[in-house]
Amino acid sequence: MDPSNAQVASGAVGDPTPESGDWRAQLAADSRERITYKILDTLKRHIPYSGDEGLEELKKIAVRFEEKIYTAATSQPDYLRKISLKMLTMETRSQDPMSDPMQSNSAAIQE
């Protein structure tokens, strides 16, 4: 991840302190970065992109998604569960062509 995205992925702005008792203070910045990379890997497998510009856009999507879940989660298990469920949903939909209306429509047109 490039340095401009590292601050966002690490949550450097407004980090909770350990004294606040917030679960986020216990989650290391490098853990969030690894999770963001895993999200990016999943996106790369399931969303078509082209060139460096497309890859940068996927990185932005991964960082924003991780930030959204990080902010909304009530605990570390909740954070991990929400991300895991979303990634699993993406994997499942790509394996089941009937879950994608565009694919089922194109199959019907070809018949």
PDB file of N, CA and C in Angstrom:
ATOM      1  N   MET A   1       0.858  -1.161   0.000  1.00  0.00           N
ATOM      2  CA  MET A   1       0.000   0.000   0.000  1.00  0.00           C
ATOM      3  C   MET A   1       0.905   1.225   0.000  1.00  0.00           C
ATOM      4  N   ASP A   2       0.538   2.223  -0.748  1.00  0.00           N
ATOM      5  CA  ASP A   2       1.410   3.392  -0.802  1.00  0.00           C
ATOM      6  C   ASP A   2       1.238   4.240   0.448  1.00  0.00           C
ATOM      7  N   PRO A   3       2.210   5.107   0.748  1.00  0.00           N
ATOM      8  CA  PRO A   3       2.181   5.884   1.993  1.00  0.00           C
ATOM      9  C   PRO A   3       0.927   6.735   2.167  1.00  0.00           C
ATOM     10  N   SER A   4       0.353   7.223   1.075  1.00  0.00           N
ATOM     11  CA  SER A   4      -0.839   8.066   1.211  1.00  0.00           C
ATOM     12  C   SER A   4      -2.030   7.275   1.734  1.00  0.00           C
ATOM     13  N   ASN A   5      -2.088   5.981   1.408  1.00  0.00           N
ATOM     14  CA  ASN A   5      -3.179   5.146   1.898  1.00  0.00           C
ATOM     15  C   ASN A   5      -2.868   4.535   3.252  1.00  0.00           C
ATOM     16  N   ALA A   6      -1.587   4.471   3.624  1.00  0.00           N
ATOM     17  CA  ALA A   6      -1.196   3.828   4.879  1.00  0.00           C
ATOM     18  C   ALA A   6      -1.808   4.535   6.073  1.00  0.00           C
ATOM     19  N   GLN A   7      -1.884   5.861   6.031  1.00  0.00           N
ATOM     20  CA  GLN A   7      -2.460   6.604   7.152  1.00  0.00           C
ATOM     21  C   GLN A   7      -3.932   6.263   7.305  1.00  0.00           C
ATOM     22  N   VAL A   8      -4.647   6.157   6.196  1.00  0.00           N
ATOM     23  CA  VAL A   8      -6.066   5.834   6.264  1.00  0.00           C
ATOM     24  C   VAL A   8      -6.254   4.411   6.765  1.00  0.00           C
ATOM     25  N   ALA A   9      -5.486   3.464   6.211  1.00  0.00           N
ATOM     26  CA  ALA A   9      -5.647   2.065   6.598  1.00  0.00           C
ATOM     27  C   ALA A   9      -5.237   1.826   8.038  1.00  0.00           C
ATOM     28  N   SER A  10      -4.273   2.598   8.529  1.00  0.00           N
ATOM     29  CA  SER A  10      -3.820   2.379   9.898  1.00  0.00           C
ATOM     30  C   SER A  10      -4.711   3.060  10.915  1.00  0.00           C
ATOM     31  N   GLY A  11      -5.591   3.942  10.452  1.00  0.00           N
ATOM     32  CA  GLY A  11      -6.465   4.654  11.366  1.00  0.00           C
ATOM     33  C   GLY A  11      -5.715   5.685  12.167  1.00  0.00           C
ATOM     34  N   ALA A  12      -4.636   6.226  11.619  1.00  0.00           N
ATOM     35  CA  ALA A  12      -3.773   7.146  12.350  1.00  0.00           C
ATOM     36  C   ALA A  12      -4.507   8.400  12.804  1.00  0.00           C
ATOM     37  N   VAL A  13      -5.531   8.773  12.098  1.00  0.00           N
ATOM     38  CA  VAL A  13      -6.274   9.965  12.477  1.00  0.00           C
ATOM     39  C   VAL A  13      -7.327   9.572  13.513  1.00  0.00           C
ATOM     40  N   GLY A  14      -7.245  10.154  14.693  1.00  0.00           N
ATOM     41  CA  GLY A  14      -8.247   9.908  15.730  1.00  0.00           C
ATOM     42  C   GLY A  14      -8.201   8.516  16.321  1.00  0.00           C
ATOM     43  N   ASP A  15      -7.021   7.917  16.414  1.00  0.00           N
ATOM     44  CA  ASP A  15      -6.903   6.590  17.012  1.00  0.00           C
ATOM     45  C   ASP A  15      -7.395   6.593  18.458  1.00  0.00           C
ATOM     46  N   PRO A  16      -8.163   5.582  18.857  1.00  0.00           N
ATOM     47  CA  PRO A  16      -8.536   5.466  20.262  1.00  0.00           C
ATOM     48  C   PRO A  16      -7.297   5.118  21.096  1.00  0.00           C
ATOM     49  N   THR A  17      -7.277   5.548  22.304  1.00  0.00           N
ATOM     50  CA  THR A  17      -6.147   5.249  23.174  1.00  0.00           C
ATOM     51  C   THR A  17      -6.471   4.033  24.035  1.00  0.00           C
ATOM     52  N   PRO A  18      -5.447   3.302  24.478  1.00  0.00           N
ATOM     53  CA  PRO A  18      -5.707   2.139  25.330  1.00  0.00           C
ATOM     54  C   PRO A  18      -6.483   2.512  26.595  1.00  0.00           C
ATOM     55  N   GLU A  19      -6.285   3.749  27.084  1.00  0.00           N
ATOM     56  CA  GLU A  19      -6.974   4.184  28.293  1.00  0.00           C
ATOM     57  C   GLU A  19      -8.488   4.310  28.094  1.00  0.00           C
ATOM     58  N   SER A  20      -8.911   4.505  26.848  1.00  0.00           N
ATOM     59  CA  SER A  20     -10.344   4.681  26.588  1.00  0.00           C
ATOM     60  C   SER A  20     -11.120   3.376  26.711  1.00  0.00           C
ATOM     61  N   GLY A  21     -10.412   2.234  26.725  1.00  0.00           N
ATOM     62  CA  GLY A  21     -11.085   0.944  26.838  1.00  0.00           C
ATOM     63  C   GLY A  21     -11.716   0.497  25.531  1.00  0.00           C
ATOM     64  N   ASP A  22     -11.479   1.227  24.463  1.00  0.00           N
ATOM     65  CA  ASP A  22     -12.047   0.897  23.159  1.00  0.00           C
ATOM     66  C   ASP A  22     -11.290  -0.280  22.559  1.00  0.00           C
ATOM     67  N   TRP A  23     -11.995  -1.250  21.984  1.00  0.00           N
ATOM     68  CA  TRP A  23     -11.358  -2.423  21.388  1.00  0.00           C
ATOM     69  C   TRP A  23     -10.403  -2.040  20.268  1.00  0.00           C
ATOM     70  N   ARG A  24     -10.664  -0.907  19.604  1.00  0.00           N
ATOM     71  CA  ARG A  24      -9.829  -0.482  18.482  1.00  0.00           C
ATOM     72  C   ARG A  24      -8.385  -0.192  18.913  1.00  0.00           C
ATOM     73  N   ALA A  25      -8.208   0.225  20.167  1.00  0.00           N
ATOM     74  CA  ALA A  25      -6.869   0.524  20.662  1.00  0.00           C
ATOM     75  C   ALA A  25      -6.020  -0.742  20.767  1.00  0.00           C
ATOM     76  N   GLN A  26      -6.666  -1.891  20.836  1.00  0.00           N
ATOM     77  CA  GLN A  26      -5.944  -3.156  20.954  1.00  0.00           C
ATOM     78  C   GLN A  26      -5.575  -3.752  19.590  1.00  0.00           C
ATOM     79  N   LEU A  27      -6.133  -3.221  18.522  1.00  0.00           N
ATOM     80  CA  LEU A  27      -5.897  -3.748  17.182  1.00  0.00           C
ATOM     81  C   LEU A  27      -4.731  -3.012  16.542  1.00  0.00           C
ATOM     82  N   ALA A  28      -3.666  -3.732  16.252  1.00  0.00           N
ATOM     83  CA  ALA A  28      -2.455  -3.126  15.689  1.00  0.00           C
ATOM     84  C   ALA A  28      -2.702  -2.624  14.265  1.00  0.00           C
ATOM     85  N   ALA A  29      -2.038  -1.528  13.923  1.00  0.00           N
ATOM     86  CA  ALA A  29      -2.180  -0.932  12.590  1.00  0.00           C
ATOM     87  C   ALA A  29      -1.769  -1.928  11.507  1.00  0.00           C
ATOM     88  N   ASP A  30      -0.741  -2.732  11.758  1.00  0.00           N
ATOM     89  CA  ASP A  30      -0.316  -3.689  10.735  1.00  0.00           C
ATOM     90  C   ASP A  30      -1.372  -4.778  10.526  1.00  0.00           C
ATOM     91  N   SER A  31      -2.170  -5.067  11.552  1.00  0.00           N
ATOM     92  CA  SER A  31      -3.270  -6.024  11.392  1.00  0.00           C
ATOM     93  C   SER A  31      -4.318  -5.467  10.440  1.00  0.00           C
ATOM     94  N   ARG A  32      -4.633  -4.196  10.616  1.00  0.00           N
ATOM     95  CA  ARG A  32      -5.605  -3.558   9.719  1.00  0.00           C
ATOM     96  C   ARG A  32      -5.079  -3.520   8.292  1.00  0.00           C
ATOM     97  N   GLU A  33      -3.801  -3.280   8.142  1.00  0.00           N
ATOM     98  CA  GLU A  33      -3.211  -3.238   6.803  1.00  0.00           C
ATOM     99  C   GLU A  33      -3.269  -4.617   6.144  1.00  0.00           C
ATOM    100  N   ARG A  34      -2.974  -5.667   6.907  1.00  0.00           N
ATOM    101  CA  ARG A  34      -3.059  -7.034   6.363  1.00  0.00           C
ATOM    102  C   ARG A  34      -4.493  -7.357   5.956  1.00  0.00           C
ATOM    103  N   ILE A  35      -5.450  -6.961   6.772  1.00  0.00           N
ATOM    104  CA  ILE A  35      -6.857  -7.202   6.448  1.00  0.00           C
ATOM    105  C   ILE A  35      -7.240  -6.448   5.179  1.00  0.00           C
ATOM    106  N   THR A  36      -6.767  -5.208   5.057  1.00  0.00           N
ATOM    107  CA  THR A  36      -7.056  -4.418   3.862  1.00  0.00           C
ATOM    108  C   THR A  36      -6.476  -5.104   2.625  1.00  0.00           C
ATOM    109  N   TYR A  37      -5.274  -5.657   2.733  1.00  0.00           N
ATOM    110  CA  TYR A  37      -4.685  -6.382   1.606  1.00  0.00           C
ATOM    111  C   TYR A  37      -5.487  -7.622   1.249  1.00  0.00           C
ATOM    112  N   LYS A  38      -6.021  -8.317   2.248  1.00  0.00           N
ATOM    113  CA  LYS A  38      -6.843  -9.490   1.964  1.00  0.00           C
ATOM    114  C   LYS A  38      -8.129  -9.077   1.257  1.00  0.00           C
ATOM    115  N   ILE A  39      -8.706  -7.958   1.675  1.00  0.00           N
ATOM    116  CA  ILE A  39      -9.893  -7.433   1.000  1.00  0.00           C
ATOM    117  C   ILE A  39      -9.540  -7.106  -0.454  1.00  0.00           C
ATOM    118  N   LEU A  40      -8.398  -6.454  -0.650  1.00  0.00           N
ATOM    119  CA  LEU A  40      -7.945  -6.108  -2.002  1.00  0.00           C
ATOM    120  C   LEU A  40      -7.773  -7.366  -2.851  1.00  0.00           C
ATOM    121  N   ASP A  41      -7.178  -8.409  -2.295  1.00  0.00           N
ATOM    122  CA  ASP A  41      -7.001  -9.657  -3.046  1.00  0.00           C
ATOM    123  C   ASP A  41      -8.342 -10.228  -3.490  1.00  0.00           C
ATOM    124  N   THR A  42      -9.317 -10.193  -2.606  1.00  0.00           N
ATOM    125  CA  THR A  42     -10.651 -10.689  -2.948  1.00  0.00           C
ATOM    126  C   THR A  42     -11.265  -9.836  -4.046  1.00  0.00           C
ATOM    127  N   LEU A  43     -11.151  -8.523  -3.920  1.00  0.00           N
ATOM    128  CA  LEU A  43     -11.693  -7.632  -4.946  1.00  0.00           C
ATOM    129  C   LEU A  43     -11.035  -7.892  -6.304  1.00  0.00           C
ATOM    130  N   LYS A  44      -9.731  -8.095  -6.305  1.00  0.00           N
ATOM    131  CA  LYS A  44      -9.011  -8.330  -7.561  1.00  0.00           C
ATOM    132  C   LYS A  44      -9.490  -9.606  -8.250  1.00  0.00           C
ATOM    133  N   ARG A  45      -9.885 -10.595  -7.468  1.00  0.00           N
ATOM    134  CA  ARG A  45     -10.372 -11.852  -8.047  1.00  0.00           C
ATOM    135  C   ARG A  45     -11.775 -11.730  -8.608  1.00  0.00           C
ATOM    136  N   HIS A  46     -12.556 -10.775  -8.103  1.00  0.00           N
ATOM    137  CA  HIS A  46     -13.976 -10.766  -8.452  1.00  0.00           C
ATOM    138  C   HIS A  46     -14.472  -9.510  -9.175  1.00  0.00           C
ATOM    139  N   ILE A  47     -13.658  -8.496  -9.228  1.00  0.00           N
ATOM    140  CA  ILE A  47     -14.063  -7.268  -9.917  1.00  0.00           C
ATOM    141  C   ILE A  47     -13.077  -7.005 -11.041  1.00  0.00           C
ATOM    142  N   PRO A  48     -13.579  -6.916 -12.270  1.00  0.00           N
ATOM    143  CA  PRO A  48     -12.659  -6.649 -13.374  1.00  0.00           C
ATOM    144  C   PRO A  48     -12.037  -5.259 -13.242  1.00  0.00           C
ATOM    145  N   TYR A  49     -10.743  -5.177 -13.523  1.00  0.00           N
ATOM    146  CA  TYR A  49     -10.045  -3.893 -13.496  1.00  0.00           C
ATOM    147  C   TYR A  49      -8.980  -3.919 -14.581  1.00  0.00           C
ATOM    148  N   SER A  50      -8.514  -2.746 -14.935  1.00  0.00           N
ATOM    149  CA  SER A  50      -7.539  -2.649 -16.007  1.00  0.00           C
ATOM    150  C   SER A  50      -6.439  -1.672 -15.635  1.00  0.00           C
ATOM    151  N   GLY A  51      -5.198  -2.128 -15.695  1.00  0.00           N
ATOM    152  CA  GLY A  51      -4.042  -1.268 -15.491  1.00  0.00           C
ATOM    153  C   GLY A  51      -3.875  -0.752 -14.078  1.00  0.00           C
ATOM    154  N   ASP A  52      -2.890   0.131 -13.938  1.00  0.00           N
ATOM    155  CA  ASP A  52      -2.574   0.707 -12.629  1.00  0.00           C
ATOM    156  C   ASP A  52      -3.713   1.554 -12.082  1.00  0.00           C
ATOM    157  N   GLU A  53      -4.399   2.250 -12.960  1.00  0.00           N
ATOM    158  CA  GLU A  53      -5.511   3.100 -12.527  1.00  0.00           C
ATOM    159  C   GLU A  53      -6.632   2.261 -11.917  1.00  0.00           C
ATOM    160  N   GLY A  54      -6.941   1.152 -12.549  1.00  0.00           N
ATOM    161  CA  GLY A  54      -7.968   0.254 -12.026  1.00  0.00           C
ATOM    162  C   GLY A  54      -7.563  -0.355 -10.701  1.00  0.00           C
ATOM    163  N   LEU A  55      -6.283  -0.717 -10.592  1.00  0.00           N
ATOM    164  CA  LEU A  55      -5.777  -1.284  -9.345  1.00  0.00           C
ATOM    165  C   LEU A  55      -5.838  -0.253  -8.221  1.00  0.00           C
ATOM    166  N   GLU A  56      -5.481   0.988  -8.509  1.00  0.00           N
ATOM    167  CA  GLU A  56      -5.563   2.050  -7.501  1.00  0.00           C
ATOM    168  C   GLU A  56      -7.002   2.252  -7.033  1.00  0.00           C
ATOM    169  N   GLU A  57      -7.941   2.155  -7.949  1.00  0.00           N
ATOM    170  CA  GLU A  57      -9.357   2.296  -7.584  1.00  0.00           C
ATOM    171  C   GLU A  57      -9.783   1.157  -6.661  1.00  0.00           C
ATOM    172  N   LEU A  58      -9.344  -0.078  -6.953  1.00  0.00           N
ATOM    173  CA  LEU A  58      -9.659  -1.207  -6.075  1.00  0.00           C
ATOM    174  C   LEU A  58      -9.041  -1.009  -4.693  1.00  0.00           C
ATOM    175  N   LYS A  59      -7.822  -0.465  -4.639  1.00  0.00           N
ATOM    176  CA  LYS A  59      -7.184  -0.190  -3.346  1.00  0.00           C
ATOM    177  C   LYS A  59      -8.023   0.799  -2.549  1.00  0.00           C
ATOM    178  N   LYS A  60      -8.509   1.837  -3.204  1.00  0.00           N
ATOM    179  CA  LYS A  60      -9.341   2.832  -2.519  1.00  0.00           C
ATOM    180  C   LYS A  60     -10.618   2.192  -1.990  1.00  0.00           C
ATOM    181  N   ILE A  61     -11.203   1.315  -2.779  1.00  0.00           N
ATOM    182  CA  ILE A  61     -12.424   0.620  -2.348  1.00  0.00           C
ATOM    183  C   ILE A  61     -12.131  -0.239  -1.114  1.00  0.00           C
ATOM    184  N   ALA A  62     -11.022  -0.972  -1.144  1.00  0.00           N
ATOM    185  CA  ALA A  62     -10.653  -1.835  -0.018  1.00  0.00           C
ATOM    186  C   ALA A  62     -10.429  -1.016   1.245  1.00  0.00           C
ATOM    187  N   VAL A  63      -9.721   0.101   1.118  1.00  0.00           N
ATOM    188  CA  VAL A  63      -9.441   0.956   2.282  1.00  0.00           C
ATOM    189  C   VAL A  63     -10.742   1.539   2.831  1.00  0.00           C
ATOM    190  N   ARG A  64     -11.609   2.034   1.957  1.00  0.00           N
ATOM    191  CA  ARG A  64     -12.883   2.614   2.423  1.00  0.00           C
ATOM    192  C   ARG A  64     -13.761   1.566   3.093  1.00  0.00           C
ATOM    193  N   PHE A  65     -13.798   0.365   2.518  1.00  0.00           N
ATOM    194  CA  PHE A  65     -14.603  -0.708   3.103  1.00  0.00           C
ATOM    195  C   PHE A  65     -14.089  -1.067   4.495  1.00  0.00           C
ATOM    196  N   GLU A  66     -12.768  -1.231   4.616  1.00  0.00           N
ATOM    197  CA  GLU A  66     -12.190  -1.577   5.916  1.00  0.00           C
ATOM    198  C   GLU A  66     -12.479  -0.482   6.931  1.00  0.00           C
ATOM    199  N   GLU A  67     -12.325   0.769   6.528  1.00  0.00           N
ATOM    200  CA  GLU A  67     -12.602   1.909   7.419  1.00  0.00           C
ATOM    201  C   GLU A  67     -14.057   1.894   7.895  1.00  0.00           C
ATOM    202  N   LYS A  68     -14.960   1.645   6.968  1.00  0.00           N
ATOM    203  CA  LYS A  68     -16.394   1.638   7.298  1.00  0.00           C
ATOM    204  C   LYS A  68     -16.704   0.559   8.339  1.00  0.00           C
ATOM    205  N   ILE A  69     -16.169  -0.637   8.127  1.00  0.00           N
ATOM    206  CA  ILE A  69     -16.412  -1.734   9.065  1.00  0.00           C
ATOM    207  C   ILE A  69     -15.733  -1.449  10.402  1.00  0.00           C
ATOM    208  N   TYR A  70     -14.508  -0.947  10.358  1.00  0.00           N
ATOM    209  CA  TYR A  70     -13.753  -0.616  11.577  1.00  0.00           C
ATOM    210  C   TYR A  70     -14.526   0.381  12.435  1.00  0.00           C
ATOM    211  N   THR A  71     -15.099   1.367  11.793  1.00  0.00           N
ATOM    212  CA  THR A  71     -15.846   2.405  12.512  1.00  0.00           C
ATOM    213  C   THR A  71     -17.163   1.865  13.077  1.00  0.00           C
ATOM    214  N   ALA A  72     -17.824   1.011  12.318  1.00  0.00           N
ATOM    215  CA  ALA A  72     -19.155   0.537  12.712  1.00  0.00           C
ATOM    216  C   ALA A  72     -19.128  -0.626  13.702  1.00  0.00           C
ATOM    217  N   ALA A  73     -18.040  -1.394  13.704  1.00  0.00           N
ATOM    218  CA  ALA A  73     -17.984  -2.603  14.537  1.00  0.00           C
ATOM    219  C   ALA A  73     -17.997  -2.255  16.021  1.00  0.00           C
ATOM    220  N   THR A  74     -18.621  -3.126  16.789  1.00  0.00           N
ATOM    221  CA  THR A  74     -18.721  -2.909  18.232  1.00  0.00           C
ATOM    222  C   THR A  74     -17.623  -3.619  19.021  1.00  0.00           C
ATOM    223  N   SER A  75     -16.921  -4.552  18.343  1.00  0.00           N
ATOM    224  CA  SER A  75     -15.833  -5.290  18.993  1.00  0.00           C
ATOM    225  C   SER A  75     -14.935  -5.872  17.896  1.00  0.00           C
ATOM    226  N   GLN A  76     -13.782  -6.370  18.303  1.00  0.00           N
ATOM    227  CA  GLN A  76     -12.893  -6.970  17.312  1.00  0.00           C
ATOM    228  C   GLN A  76     -13.538  -8.195  16.659  1.00  0.00           C
ATOM    229  N   PRO A  77     -14.181  -9.083  17.411  1.00  0.00           N
ATOM    230  CA  PRO A  77     -14.867 -10.205  16.746  1.00  0.00           C
ATOM    231  C   PRO A  77     -15.951  -9.734  15.768  1.00  0.00           C
ATOM    232  N   ASP A  78     -16.667  -8.671  16.138  1.00  0.00           N
ATOM    233  CA  ASP A  78     -17.687  -8.120  15.247  1.00  0.00           C
ATOM    234  C   ASP A  78     -17.041  -7.589  13.968  1.00  0.00           C
ATOM    235  N   TYR A  79     -15.926  -6.878  14.107  1.00  0.00           N
ATOM    236  CA  TYR A  79     -15.161  -6.347  12.976  1.00  0.00           C
ATOM    237  C   TYR A  79     -14.732  -7.473  12.039  1.00  0.00           C
ATOM    238  N   LEU A  80     -14.136  -8.518  12.597  1.00  0.00           N
ATOM    239  CA  LEU A  80     -13.670  -9.639  11.784  1.00  0.00           C
ATOM    240  C   LEU A  80     -14.834 -10.407  11.163  1.00  0.00           C
ATOM    241  N   ARG A  81     -15.921 -10.557  11.915  1.00  0.00           N
ATOM    242  CA  ARG A  81     -17.093 -11.273  11.398  1.00  0.00           C
ATOM    243  C   ARG A  81     -17.702 -10.549  10.216  1.00  0.00           C
ATOM    244  N   LYS A  82     -17.862  -9.229  10.341  1.00  0.00           N
ATOM    245  CA  LYS A  82     -18.480  -8.461   9.254  1.00  0.00           C
ATOM    246  C   LYS A  82     -17.638  -8.509   7.986  1.00  0.00           C
ATOM    247  N   ILE A  83     -16.335  -8.386   8.133  1.00  0.00           N
ATOM    248  CA  ILE A  83     -15.459  -8.452   6.961  1.00  0.00           C
ATOM    249  C   ILE A  83     -15.495  -9.851   6.359  1.00  0.00           C
ATOM    250  N   SER A  84     -15.415 -10.868   7.197  1.00  0.00           N
ATOM    251  CA  SER A  84     -15.430 -12.254   6.711  1.00  0.00           C
ATOM    252  C   SER A  84     -16.718 -12.569   5.969  1.00  0.00           C
ATOM    253  N   LEU A  85     -17.841 -12.136   6.518  1.00  0.00           N
ATOM    254  CA  LEU A  85     -19.126 -12.401   5.861  1.00  0.00           C
ATOM    255  C   LEU A  85     -19.207 -11.740   4.489  1.00  0.00           C
ATOM    256  N   LYS A  86     -18.725 -10.512   4.387  1.00  0.00           N
ATOM    257  CA  LYS A  86     -18.764  -9.810   3.108  1.00  0.00           C
ATOM    258  C   LYS A  86     -17.873 -10.503   2.084  1.00  0.00           C
ATOM    259  N   MET A  87     -16.679 -10.917   2.513  1.00  0.00           N
ATOM    260  CA  MET A  87     -15.760 -11.597   1.598  1.00  0.00           C
ATOM    261  C   MET A  87     -16.332 -12.951   1.179  1.00  0.00           C
ATOM    262  N   LEU A  88     -16.941 -13.671   2.131  1.00  0.00           N
ATOM    263  CA  LEU A  88     -17.560 -14.959   1.819  1.00  0.00           C
ATOM    264  C   LEU A  88     -18.714 -14.780   0.839  1.00  0.00           C
ATOM    265  N   THR A  89     -19.510 -13.746   1.035  1.00  0.00           N
ATOM    266  CA  THR A  89     -20.616 -13.459   0.121  1.00  0.00           C
ATOM    267  C   THR A  89     -20.093 -13.222  -1.287  1.00  0.00           C
ATOM    268  N   MET A  90     -19.006 -12.469  -1.399  1.00  0.00           N
ATOM    269  CA  MET A  90     -18.432 -12.193  -2.711  1.00  0.00           C
ATOM    270  C   MET A  90     -17.925 -13.480  -3.357  1.00  0.00           C
ATOM    271  N   GLU A  91     -17.264 -14.325  -2.568  1.00  0.00           N
ATOM    272  CA  GLU A  91     -16.763 -15.602  -3.089  1.00  0.00           C
ATOM    273  C   GLU A  91     -17.915 -16.494  -3.538  1.00  0.00           C
ATOM    274  N   THR A  92     -18.959 -16.564  -2.720  1.00  0.00           N
ATOM    275  CA  THR A  92     -20.100 -17.427  -3.019  1.00  0.00           C
ATOM    276  C   THR A  92     -20.822 -16.973  -4.275  1.00  0.00           C
ATOM    277  N   ARG A  93     -21.040 -15.676  -4.411  1.00  0.00           N
ATOM    278  CA  ARG A  93     -21.743 -15.157  -5.588  1.00  0.00           C
ATOM    279  C   ARG A  93     -20.970 -15.422  -6.864  1.00  0.00           C
ATOM    280  N   SER A  94     -19.657 -15.380  -6.800  1.00  0.00           N
ATOM    281  CA  SER A  94     -18.869 -15.613  -8.014  1.00  0.00           C
ATOM    282  C   SER A  94     -18.881 -17.093  -8.404  1.00  0.00           C
ATOM    283  N   GLN A  95     -19.117 -17.975  -7.436  1.00  0.00           N
ATOM    284  CA  GLN A  95     -19.150 -19.404  -7.723  1.00  0.00           C
ATOM    285  C   GLN A  95     -20.532 -19.863  -8.177  1.00  0.00           C
ATOM    286  N   ASP A  96     -21.562 -19.104  -7.859  1.00  0.00           N
ATOM    287  CA  ASP A  96     -22.935 -19.460  -8.207  1.00  0.00           C
ATOM    288  C   ASP A  96     -23.430 -18.514  -9.293  1.00  0.00           C
ATOM    289  N   PRO A  97     -23.362 -18.914 -10.561  1.00  0.00           N
ATOM    290  CA  PRO A  97     -23.743 -17.997 -11.637  1.00  0.00           C
ATOM    291  C   PRO A  97     -25.209 -17.570 -11.572  1.00  0.00           C
ATOM    292  N   MET A  98     -26.057 -18.341 -10.929  1.00  0.00           N
ATOM    293  CA  MET A  98     -27.468 -17.959 -10.854  1.00  0.00           C
ATOM    294  C   MET A  98     -27.702 -16.821  -9.872  1.00  0.00           C
ATOM    295  N   SER A  99     -26.732 -16.536  -9.002  1.00  0.00           N
ATOM    296  CA  SER A  99     -26.903 -15.446  -8.055  1.00  0.00           C
ATOM    297  C   SER A  99     -26.616 -14.096  -8.700  1.00  0.00           C
ATOM    298  N   ASP A 100     -26.027 -14.101  -9.913  1.00  0.00           N
ATOM    299  CA  ASP A 100     -25.719 -12.865 -10.616  1.00  0.00           C
ATOM    300  C   ASP A 100     -26.759 -12.670 -11.714  1.00  0.00           C
ATOM    301  N   PRO A 101     -27.676 -11.729 -11.561  1.00  0.00           N
ATOM    302  CA  PRO A 101     -28.743 -11.538 -12.539  1.00  0.00           C
ATOM    303  C   PRO A 101     -28.214 -11.231 -13.934  1.00  0.00           C
ATOM    304  N   MET A 102     -27.087 -10.547 -14.049  1.00  0.00           N
ATOM    305  CA  MET A 102     -26.541 -10.221 -15.365  1.00  0.00           C
ATOM    306  C   MET A 102     -26.112 -11.494 -16.096  1.00  0.00           C
ATOM    307  N   GLN A 103     -25.511 -12.433 -15.379  1.00  0.00           N
ATOM    308  CA  GLN A 103     -25.093 -13.680 -16.007  1.00  0.00           C
ATOM    309  C   GLN A 103     -26.300 -14.516 -16.411  1.00  0.00           C
ATOM    310  N   SER A 104     -27.315 -14.587 -15.563  1.00  0.00           N
ATOM    311  CA  SER A 104     -28.487 -15.394 -15.909  1.00  0.00           C
ATOM    312  C   SER A 104     -29.245 -14.756 -17.062  1.00  0.00           C
ATOM    313  N   ASN A 105     -29.274 -13.433 -17.153  1.00  0.00           N
ATOM    314  CA  ASN A 105     -29.917 -12.761 -18.282  1.00  0.00           C
ATOM    315  C   ASN A 105     -29.169 -13.042 -19.563  1.00  0.00           C
ATOM    316  N   SER A 106     -27.849 -12.996 -19.537  1.00  0.00           N
ATOM    317  CA  SER A 106     -27.074 -13.240 -20.756  1.00  0.00           C
ATOM    318  C   SER A 106     -27.203 -14.698 -21.184  1.00  0.00           C
ATOM    319  N   ALA A 107     -27.340 -15.619 -20.231  1.00  0.00           N
ATOM    320  CA  ALA A 107     -27.528 -17.035 -20.574  1.00  0.00           C
ATOM    321  C   ALA A 107     -28.881 -17.228 -21.248  1.00  0.00           C
ATOM    322  N   ALA A 108     -29.900 -16.530 -20.770  1.00  0.00           N
ATOM    323  CA  ALA A 108     -31.225 -16.637 -21.360  1.00  0.00           C
ATOM    324  C   ALA A 108     -31.252 -16.073 -22.770  1.00  0.00           C
ATOM    325  N   ILE A 109     -30.500 -15.028 -22.995  1.00  0.00           N
ATOM    326  CA  ILE A 109     -30.444 -14.403 -24.311  1.00  0.00           C
ATOM    327  C   ILE A 109     -29.774 -15.322 -25.314  1.00  0.00           C
ATOM    328  N   GLN A 110     -28.761 -16.065 -24.882  1.00  0.00           N
ATOM    329  CA  GLN A 110     -28.020 -16.941 -25.777  1.00  0.00           C
ATOM    330  C   GLN A 110     -28.803 -18.170 -26.196  1.00  0.00           C
ATOM    331  N   GLU A 111     -29.815 -18.546 -25.433  1.00  0.00           N
ATOM    332  CA  GLU A 111     -30.591 -19.763 -25.752  1.00  0.00           C
ATOM    333  C   GLU A 111     -31.485 -19.575 -26.935  1.00  0.00           C
TER     334      GLU A 111
END
